[in-house]
Amino acid sequence: MQTPAMDRLAADGFVFDQFLVDSLDVTSLYRSYWYGRHALEGDTGEPAGALPATVGDRGVRAVLMTDDPVVASLEGAEGFGERILLPEPRKIEPSRSVEGTHLGRVFAQIIQRLESADGPFFLWCHLSSLGRVWDAPWEMRSRYAEADDPDPPDDAAVPCRRMDDDEDPDLLLGAAQAYAGQVTLLDLCLGAFSDALAEAGRENDTALALVGLRGLALGEHRYVGPTEDRLDGELVHVPLILRVPVPDAASARSQQFVQPPDLHATWLRLLAERPSTRRLAAADLVPLIRDDLVPWRDRIGLRGPEGRCALRTPAWYLTTGSRYQLFAKPDDRWEINDLADRRPDVAEKLAEMLADYQSKLSLAAVDGLPPLDDVLRLGLE
């Protein structure tokens, strides 16, 4: 895909290659972003003040702009000094122009709000376009079709279903082309936003994060589209690029495990100038960006629906539920070969570690767990 704006942001910023959301449920996810509470922590009393209210108390204008009414009504959203509900996406045909797309319209409003900002500001934009409507101009998706390919689809509906065993592969190809066109559209809009930030003279003193909330399947595990009832890697492994105006910040990338509560700790440091208590699942990312030698986690947990959970280590990915599934990492990128029956000892050991991880989430520091043995850290020979 052609994404020059994202590539430029990655070149100027810091890329976290192992950013995994701790939940696909939007309420739980924003509890992590705004309160710094991991999805596996459960209800452990009233959470501390929400991030928007905290930065607002420091004299920073906090603005929420979203096309999802659910996000605008979440706990913590009331802390924004201004909440702007953008028009919701409509499932129509592909637009004839960038300006006529859903993303084109909402980014125009976002840029307008940016241009009117005076003084310090905290702008949080949640856009649901990639999961709800693919209305990029047809020419954007057709550029990803080869000469002998069938024409890409000409509707804006986002597919969401399980594929049949005898599925026509051209249908999946068309979905991939439409998705690529939509990402190209998003990149154009991000480029316009970055240009507006520079024209306003705010580029060099404004922290900027591009982060995904959930992935989208394009045929992996025989699914197409967004879903919340699985913990597959293509759904929980999402982008995170941070550009921060911090002295000695490196433009590089990290393979360390990072999750949403870490962003809460990072924003507290950058916006409220208040260091947060270093915890197992919530640690300031600036030391990683500076390439400081700091102890970092060697495992992360995830919560799925109906009691399902997962644990990721450098060498393994375990998911629980009606049965264990175990995948060797990083080699089995798409989680094709389930090794739970072949290595039940590894699966059981990881399940015990997952329970211990969850029990210590609210108390332990990043380095508060026993180290992994060689099999869990390095995998099988």
Protein backbone atom coordinates (compact mmCIF):
# COMPACT_ATOMS: atom_id res chain seq x y z
CA MET A 1 0.00 0.00 0.00
CA GLN A 2 1.08 3.55 -0.67
CA THR A 3 1.24 5.47 2.65
CA PRO A 4 3.72 8.35 2.36
CA ALA A 5 2.24 10.32 5.29
CA MET A 6 2.43 7.34 7.65
CA ASP A 7 5.93 6.57 6.40
CA ARG A 8 6.99 10.16 7.13
CA LEU A 9 5.48 10.00 10.60
CA ALA A 10 7.32 6.72 11.24
CA ALA A 11 10.57 8.25 10.02
CA ASP A 12 10.16 11.29 12.29
CA GLY A 13 8.76 9.38 15.23
CA PHE A 14 9.14 6.11 17.07
CA VAL A 15 7.50 2.84 15.98
CA PHE A 16 6.41 0.21 18.50
CA ASP A 17 6.32 -3.02 16.52
CA GLN A 18 4.83 -5.08 19.35
CA PHE A 19 1.82 -3.02 20.40
CA LEU A 20 -1.04 -5.35 21.35
CA VAL A 21 -4.36 -4.09 22.68
CA ASP A 22 -5.40 -5.64 25.98
CA SER A 23 -9.04 -5.99 24.87
CA LEU A 24 -11.19 -5.57 21.76
CA ASP A 25 -14.10 -4.20 23.80
CA VAL A 26 -14.21 -0.43 23.34
CA THR A 27 -15.32 0.29 26.93
CA SER A 28 -12.52 -1.78 28.41
CA LEU A 29 -10.02 -0.38 25.94
CA TYR A 30 -10.77 3.22 26.85
CA ARG A 31 -10.56 2.34 30.51
CA SER A 32 -6.96 1.44 29.68
CA TYR A 33 -6.26 4.59 27.66
CA TRP A 34 -7.95 7.09 29.95
CA TYR A 35 -7.49 5.47 33.38
CA GLY A 36 -4.41 3.31 32.86
CA ARG A 37 -6.23 0.18 34.03
CA HIS A 38 -5.46 -3.05 32.18
CA ALA A 39 -8.42 -5.07 30.91
CA LEU A 40 -7.45 -8.04 33.10
CA GLU A 41 -7.43 -6.00 36.30
CA GLY A 42 -11.19 -6.25 36.72
CA ASP A 43 -13.13 -4.06 39.11
CA THR A 44 -10.69 -3.09 41.84
CA GLY A 45 -12.45 -0.07 43.25
CA GLU A 46 -12.95 3.38 41.82
CA PRO A 47 -10.29 4.26 39.23
CA ALA A 48 -8.19 7.39 39.62
CA GLY A 49 -9.09 10.53 37.72
CA ALA A 50 -9.45 10.20 33.97
CA LEU A 51 -6.66 11.46 31.73
CA PRO A 52 -8.78 14.18 30.00
CA ALA A 53 -9.77 15.74 33.33
CA THR A 54 -6.21 15.47 34.64
CA VAL A 55 -4.68 17.34 31.72
CA GLY A 56 -7.54 19.82 31.83
CA ASP A 57 -6.69 20.61 35.43
CA ARG A 58 -3.19 21.53 34.22
CA GLY A 59 -4.59 24.23 31.95
CA VAL A 60 -4.51 22.11 28.79
CA ARG A 61 -7.62 22.35 26.62
CA ALA A 62 -8.88 18.77 26.16
CA VAL A 63 -11.03 18.13 23.08
CA LEU A 64 -12.65 14.89 21.97
CA MET A 65 -13.69 14.49 18.33
CA THR A 66 -15.33 11.21 17.34
CA ASP A 67 -17.82 9.74 14.89
CA ASP A 68 -18.83 7.07 17.44
CA PRO A 69 -21.54 8.11 19.96
CA VAL A 70 -20.52 5.23 22.23
CA VAL A 71 -17.03 6.70 22.69
CA ALA A 72 -18.46 10.17 23.36
CA SER A 73 -20.56 8.74 26.21
CA LEU A 74 -17.91 6.54 27.86
CA GLU A 75 -16.87 7.05 31.47
CA GLY A 76 -14.10 9.63 31.48
CA ALA A 77 -15.29 11.42 28.33
CA GLU A 78 -16.98 14.05 30.48
CA GLY A 79 -13.50 15.23 31.44
CA PHE A 80 -12.99 16.72 28.00
CA GLY A 81 -13.65 20.43 27.99
CA GLU A 82 -15.21 20.01 24.56
CA ARG A 83 -16.85 16.98 22.98
CA ILE A 84 -17.56 17.15 19.26
CA LEU A 85 -19.68 14.37 17.79
CA LEU A 86 -18.81 14.05 14.13
CA PRO A 87 -21.28 12.63 11.59
CA GLU A 88 -21.44 8.84 11.67
CA PRO A 89 -20.23 6.90 8.62
CA ARG A 90 -22.88 6.03 6.06
CA LYS A 91 -22.79 2.87 3.98
CA ILE A 92 -23.04 4.31 0.50
CA GLU A 93 -21.16 3.79 -2.74
CA PRO A 94 -17.53 4.91 -3.09
CA SER A 95 -17.23 8.68 -3.30
CA ARG A 96 -16.19 10.51 -6.45
CA SER A 97 -13.71 12.67 -4.54
CA VAL A 98 -11.60 12.63 -1.39
CA GLU A 99 -13.58 15.59 -0.04
CA GLY A 100 -16.82 13.65 -0.38
CA THR A 101 -15.68 10.65 1.68
CA HIS A 102 -16.49 10.22 5.34
CA LEU A 103 -12.82 10.60 6.29
CA GLY A 104 -12.45 13.64 4.04
CA ARG A 105 -15.37 15.38 5.72
CA VAL A 106 -14.41 14.62 9.31
CA PHE A 107 -10.74 15.46 8.79
CA ALA A 108 -11.82 18.83 7.40
CA GLN A 109 -13.61 19.47 10.72
CA ILE A 110 -10.64 18.19 12.72
CA ILE A 111 -8.24 20.49 10.86
CA GLN A 112 -10.62 23.41 11.31
CA ARG A 113 -10.69 22.77 15.07
CA LEU A 114 -6.91 22.49 15.13
CA GLU A 115 -6.51 25.83 13.37
CA SER A 116 -8.72 27.54 15.94
CA ALA A 117 -6.83 26.14 18.95
CA ASP A 118 -5.09 28.69 21.13
CA GLY A 119 -2.72 27.72 23.88
CA PRO A 120 -1.87 24.17 24.98
CA PHE A 121 -4.34 21.56 23.74
CA PHE A 122 -5.00 17.82 23.91
CA LEU A 123 -6.95 16.62 20.87
CA TRP A 124 -8.21 13.04 20.95
CA CYS A 125 -9.70 11.80 17.66
CA HIS A 126 -11.49 8.46 17.48
CA LEU A 127 -12.59 7.57 13.94
CA SER A 128 -14.34 4.32 13.08
CA SER A 129 -14.13 4.56 9.30
CA LEU A 130 -11.91 1.55 8.60
CA GLY A 131 -14.33 -0.77 10.36
CA ARG A 132 -17.60 0.76 9.20
CA VAL A 133 -17.38 2.18 5.68
CA TRP A 134 -14.96 1.88 2.76
CA ASP A 135 -16.00 4.82 0.61
CA ALA A 136 -12.64 5.85 -0.85
CA PRO A 137 -12.90 6.76 -4.54
CA TRP A 138 -12.98 3.64 -6.67
CA GLU A 139 -9.76 4.71 -8.38
CA MET A 140 -7.92 4.32 -5.08
CA ARG A 141 -8.81 0.65 -4.80
CA SER A 142 -8.41 -0.04 -8.52
CA ARG A 143 -4.74 0.98 -8.37
CA TYR A 144 -4.13 -2.20 -6.38
CA ALA A 145 -5.61 -4.44 -9.07
CA GLU A 146 -3.38 -6.14 -11.61
CA ALA A 147 -4.23 -6.06 -15.30
CA ASP A 148 -5.70 -9.58 -15.26
CA ASP A 149 -7.59 -9.16 -11.96
CA PRO A 150 -11.36 -8.75 -11.90
CA ASP A 151 -12.60 -5.24 -11.15
CA PRO A 152 -12.59 -4.36 -7.42
CA PRO A 153 -16.03 -4.15 -5.74
CA ASP A 154 -18.00 -0.96 -6.28
CA ASP A 155 -19.76 -0.68 -2.93
CA ALA A 156 -18.72 0.86 0.38
CA ALA A 157 -19.92 -1.89 2.72
CA VAL A 158 -17.29 -3.44 4.99
CA PRO A 159 -17.53 -7.26 4.81
CA CYS A 160 -17.87 -9.04 8.13
CA ARG A 161 -18.35 -12.81 7.99
CA ARG A 162 -16.72 -16.19 8.09
CA MET A 163 -15.54 -17.50 4.74
CA ASP A 164 -16.92 -20.75 3.35
CA ASP A 165 -14.52 -23.55 2.45
CA ASP A 166 -15.36 -23.12 -1.24
CA GLU A 167 -15.20 -19.31 -1.14
CA ASP A 168 -14.38 -17.60 -4.44
CA PRO A 169 -10.83 -16.22 -3.90
CA ASP A 170 -11.70 -13.20 -6.05
CA LEU A 171 -14.09 -12.03 -3.31
CA LEU A 172 -11.25 -11.94 -0.80
CA LEU A 173 -9.02 -10.21 -3.35
CA GLY A 174 -11.68 -7.54 -3.86
CA ALA A 175 -11.97 -6.98 -0.11
CA ALA A 176 -8.21 -6.56 0.17
CA GLN A 177 -8.20 -4.04 -2.69
CA ALA A 178 -11.05 -2.04 -1.13
CA TYR A 179 -9.27 -2.03 2.24
CA ALA A 180 -6.02 -0.89 0.62
CA GLY A 181 -7.88 1.94 -1.06
CA GLN A 182 -9.36 3.02 2.25
CA VAL A 183 -5.94 3.02 3.93
CA THR A 184 -4.64 5.14 1.07
CA LEU A 185 -7.46 7.60 1.74
CA LEU A 186 -6.63 7.66 5.45
CA ASP A 187 -3.00 8.38 4.60
CA LEU A 188 -4.00 11.35 2.44
CA CYS A 189 -6.08 12.75 5.31
CA LEU A 190 -3.26 12.23 7.80
CA GLY A 191 -0.94 14.07 5.44
CA ALA A 192 -3.34 17.02 5.33
CA PHE A 193 -3.53 17.00 9.13
CA SER A 194 0.27 16.99 9.45
CA ASP A 195 0.52 19.86 6.96
CA ALA A 196 -2.04 21.86 8.96
CA LEU A 197 -0.09 21.22 12.14
CA ALA A 198 3.08 22.50 10.49
CA GLU A 199 1.34 25.57 9.01
CA ALA A 200 0.02 26.42 12.47
CA GLY A 201 3.59 26.38 13.80
CA ARG A 202 2.82 23.51 16.20
CA GLU A 203 4.68 20.65 14.56
CA ASN A 204 7.83 20.87 16.67
CA ASP A 205 6.20 21.17 20.11
CA THR A 206 3.22 18.82 19.72
CA ALA A 207 3.23 15.13 20.61
CA LEU A 208 1.41 13.03 18.04
CA ALA A 209 0.27 9.42 18.23
CA LEU A 210 -1.17 7.22 15.50
CA VAL A 211 -2.70 4.18 17.14
CA GLY A 212 -5.06 1.40 16.13
CA LEU A 213 -7.83 0.19 18.42
CA ARG A 214 -8.36 -3.17 16.77
CA GLY A 215 -7.23 -5.05 13.70
CA LEU A 216 -9.29 -6.31 10.80
CA ALA A 217 -9.16 -9.79 9.32
CA LEU A 218 -8.62 -10.18 5.59
CA GLY A 219 -8.95 -13.92 5.27
CA GLU A 220 -6.81 -14.97 8.23
CA HIS A 221 -8.48 -17.79 10.17
CA ARG A 222 -11.19 -17.72 7.47
CA TYR A 223 -12.65 -14.41 8.67
CA VAL A 224 -13.13 -11.16 6.81
CA GLY A 225 -13.84 -7.86 8.54
CA PRO A 226 -13.97 -6.62 12.14
CA THR A 227 -14.87 -8.99 14.94
CA GLU A 228 -14.65 -8.89 18.75
CA ASP A 229 -15.08 -12.56 19.66
CA ARG A 230 -11.52 -13.74 18.95
CA LEU A 231 -7.98 -12.94 20.12
CA ASP A 232 -6.16 -13.68 16.87
CA GLY A 233 -2.99 -11.75 16.18
CA GLU A 234 -4.39 -9.90 13.17
CA LEU A 235 -7.05 -8.42 15.49
CA VAL A 236 -5.03 -7.56 18.61
CA HIS A 237 -1.69 -6.55 17.02
CA VAL A 238 -2.17 -2.95 15.88
CA PRO A 239 -0.04 0.06 14.86
CA LEU A 240 1.47 2.54 17.30
CA ILE A 241 3.68 5.41 16.13
CA LEU A 242 4.66 8.16 18.58
CA ARG A 243 6.31 11.45 17.73
CA VAL A 244 7.22 13.34 20.87
CA PRO A 245 9.02 16.68 21.40
CA VAL A 246 11.36 15.22 23.98
CA PRO A 247 15.11 15.94 24.10
CA ASP A 248 17.25 13.02 22.94
CA ALA A 249 14.22 11.18 21.55
CA ALA A 250 15.29 8.66 18.95
CA SER A 251 13.64 8.12 15.58
CA ALA A 252 13.70 4.35 15.65
CA ARG A 253 11.59 1.35 16.56
CA SER A 254 11.19 -1.03 19.47
CA GLN A 255 10.36 -4.72 19.75
CA GLN A 256 9.34 -4.40 23.41
CA PHE A 257 5.80 -5.41 24.40
CA VAL A 258 3.56 -2.35 24.73
CA GLN A 259 -0.16 -2.05 25.59
CA PRO A 260 -2.77 0.73 25.97
CA PRO A 261 -2.16 1.50 29.68
CA ASP A 262 1.38 2.51 28.73
CA LEU A 263 -0.03 5.36 26.65
CA HIS A 264 -1.92 6.62 29.71
CA ALA A 265 1.34 6.80 31.66
CA THR A 266 3.09 8.46 28.72
CA TRP A 267 0.44 11.15 28.22
CA LEU A 268 0.50 11.92 31.95
CA ARG A 269 4.22 12.59 31.70
CA LEU A 270 4.03 14.66 28.50
CA LEU A 271 0.85 16.64 29.08
CA ALA A 272 0.34 16.83 32.82
CA GLU A 273 4.06 16.71 33.66
CA ARG A 274 3.14 14.17 36.28
CA PRO A 275 5.05 10.91 36.43
CA SER A 276 2.76 7.98 37.04
CA THR A 277 3.48 5.11 39.39
CA ARG A 278 5.33 2.46 37.42
CA ARG A 279 3.18 -0.67 37.31
CA LEU A 280 3.27 -4.07 35.64
CA ALA A 281 0.96 -3.05 32.78
CA ALA A 282 1.42 0.74 32.73
CA ALA A 283 4.85 2.25 32.17
CA ASP A 284 5.96 5.54 30.61
CA LEU A 285 7.25 4.94 27.05
CA VAL A 286 9.59 7.94 26.93
CA PRO A 287 12.56 5.99 28.38
CA LEU A 288 12.18 3.47 25.55
CA ILE A 289 12.06 6.29 23.03
CA ARG A 290 15.22 7.77 24.55
CA ASP A 291 16.81 4.34 24.45
CA ASP A 292 17.39 4.41 28.18
CA LEU A 293 18.42 1.14 29.76
CA VAL A 294 15.26 0.40 31.73
CA PRO A 295 13.84 -2.96 32.81
CA TRP A 296 10.90 -3.88 30.63
CA ARG A 297 8.22 -6.56 30.65
CA ASP A 298 8.72 -9.97 29.07
CA ARG A 299 5.01 -10.90 28.96
CA ILE A 300 1.64 -9.29 28.39
CA GLY A 301 -1.91 -10.45 28.93
CA LEU A 302 -5.11 -9.90 26.97
CA ARG A 303 -8.78 -10.30 27.83
CA GLY A 304 -11.32 -11.62 25.37
CA PRO A 305 -15.06 -12.29 25.59
CA GLU A 306 -16.70 -14.96 27.74
CA GLY A 307 -13.75 -15.41 30.04
CA ARG A 308 -11.20 -16.06 27.31
CA CYS A 309 -7.72 -14.67 27.93
CA ALA A 310 -4.29 -14.77 26.33
CA LEU A 311 -0.64 -14.46 27.30
CA ARG A 312 2.19 -13.43 24.99
CA THR A 313 5.88 -13.99 25.69
CA PRO A 314 8.80 -13.55 23.28
CA ALA A 315 8.48 -17.20 22.22
CA TRP A 316 4.79 -18.09 22.65
CA TYR A 317 1.20 -16.96 22.34
CA LEU A 318 -1.35 -18.85 24.45
CA THR A 319 -5.10 -18.33 24.24
CA THR A 320 -7.51 -19.89 26.71
CA GLY A 321 -11.20 -20.71 26.52
CA SER A 322 -12.93 -24.01 25.88
CA ARG A 323 -9.42 -25.30 25.12
CA TYR A 324 -5.88 -23.99 24.96
CA GLN A 325 -4.33 -22.84 21.70
CA LEU A 326 -0.55 -22.42 21.58
CA PHE A 327 1.50 -20.79 18.85
CA ALA A 328 5.27 -20.40 18.47
CA LYS A 329 6.39 -16.79 18.09
CA PRO A 330 7.62 -14.93 16.18
CA ASP A 331 7.87 -17.59 13.45
CA ASP A 332 4.15 -18.43 13.31
CA ARG A 333 3.10 -14.89 12.54
CA TRP A 334 -0.45 -15.77 11.45
CA GLU A 335 -1.01 -18.45 14.12
CA ILE A 336 -1.54 -21.37 11.78
CA ASN A 337 0.04 -24.25 13.72
CA ASP A 338 -1.59 -24.94 17.09
CA LEU A 339 0.99 -26.71 19.29
CA ALA A 340 -1.13 -27.11 22.43
CA ASP A 341 -1.57 -30.88 21.94
CA ARG A 342 2.12 -31.40 21.17
CA ARG A 343 3.40 -29.27 24.06
CA PRO A 344 0.79 -29.41 26.82
CA ASP A 345 3.57 -28.76 29.34
CA VAL A 346 4.28 -25.35 27.80
CA ALA A 347 0.56 -24.55 27.58
CA GLU A 348 -0.02 -25.42 31.24
CA LYS A 349 3.00 -23.44 32.40
CA LEU A 350 1.85 -20.39 30.43
CA ALA A 351 -1.68 -20.72 31.82
CA GLU A 352 -0.26 -20.68 35.36
CA MET A 353 1.82 -17.61 34.49
CA LEU A 354 -1.28 -15.90 33.06
CA ALA A 355 -3.13 -16.40 36.37
CA ASP A 356 -0.14 -15.06 38.29
CA TYR A 357 0.14 -12.10 35.91
CA GLN A 358 -3.51 -11.21 36.42
CA SER A 359 -3.29 -11.47 40.20
CA LYS A 360 -0.36 -9.05 40.32
CA LEU A 361 -1.50 -6.50 37.75
CA SER A 362 -2.65 -3.80 40.13
CA LEU A 363 0.32 -4.13 42.48
CA ALA A 364 3.50 -5.31 40.78
CA ALA A 365 6.06 -3.15 39.01
CA VAL A 366 7.24 -3.94 35.49
CA ASP A 367 10.00 -6.12 36.91
CA GLY A 368 7.84 -7.63 39.65
CA LEU A 369 7.41 -11.09 38.12
CA PRO A 370 9.83 -14.02 38.18
CA PRO A 371 11.95 -14.25 35.01
CA LEU A 372 10.95 -16.59 32.20
CA ASP A 373 12.86 -19.82 31.78
CA ASP A 374 14.66 -20.50 28.49
CA VAL A 375 11.77 -22.41 26.90
CA LEU A 376 9.26 -19.62 27.56
CA ARG A 377 11.72 -16.90 26.57
CA LEU A 378 13.55 -18.50 23.63
CA GLY A 379 11.21 -21.27 22.52
CA LEU A 380 12.09 -24.76 21.37
CA GLU A 381 15.38 -25.66 19.76
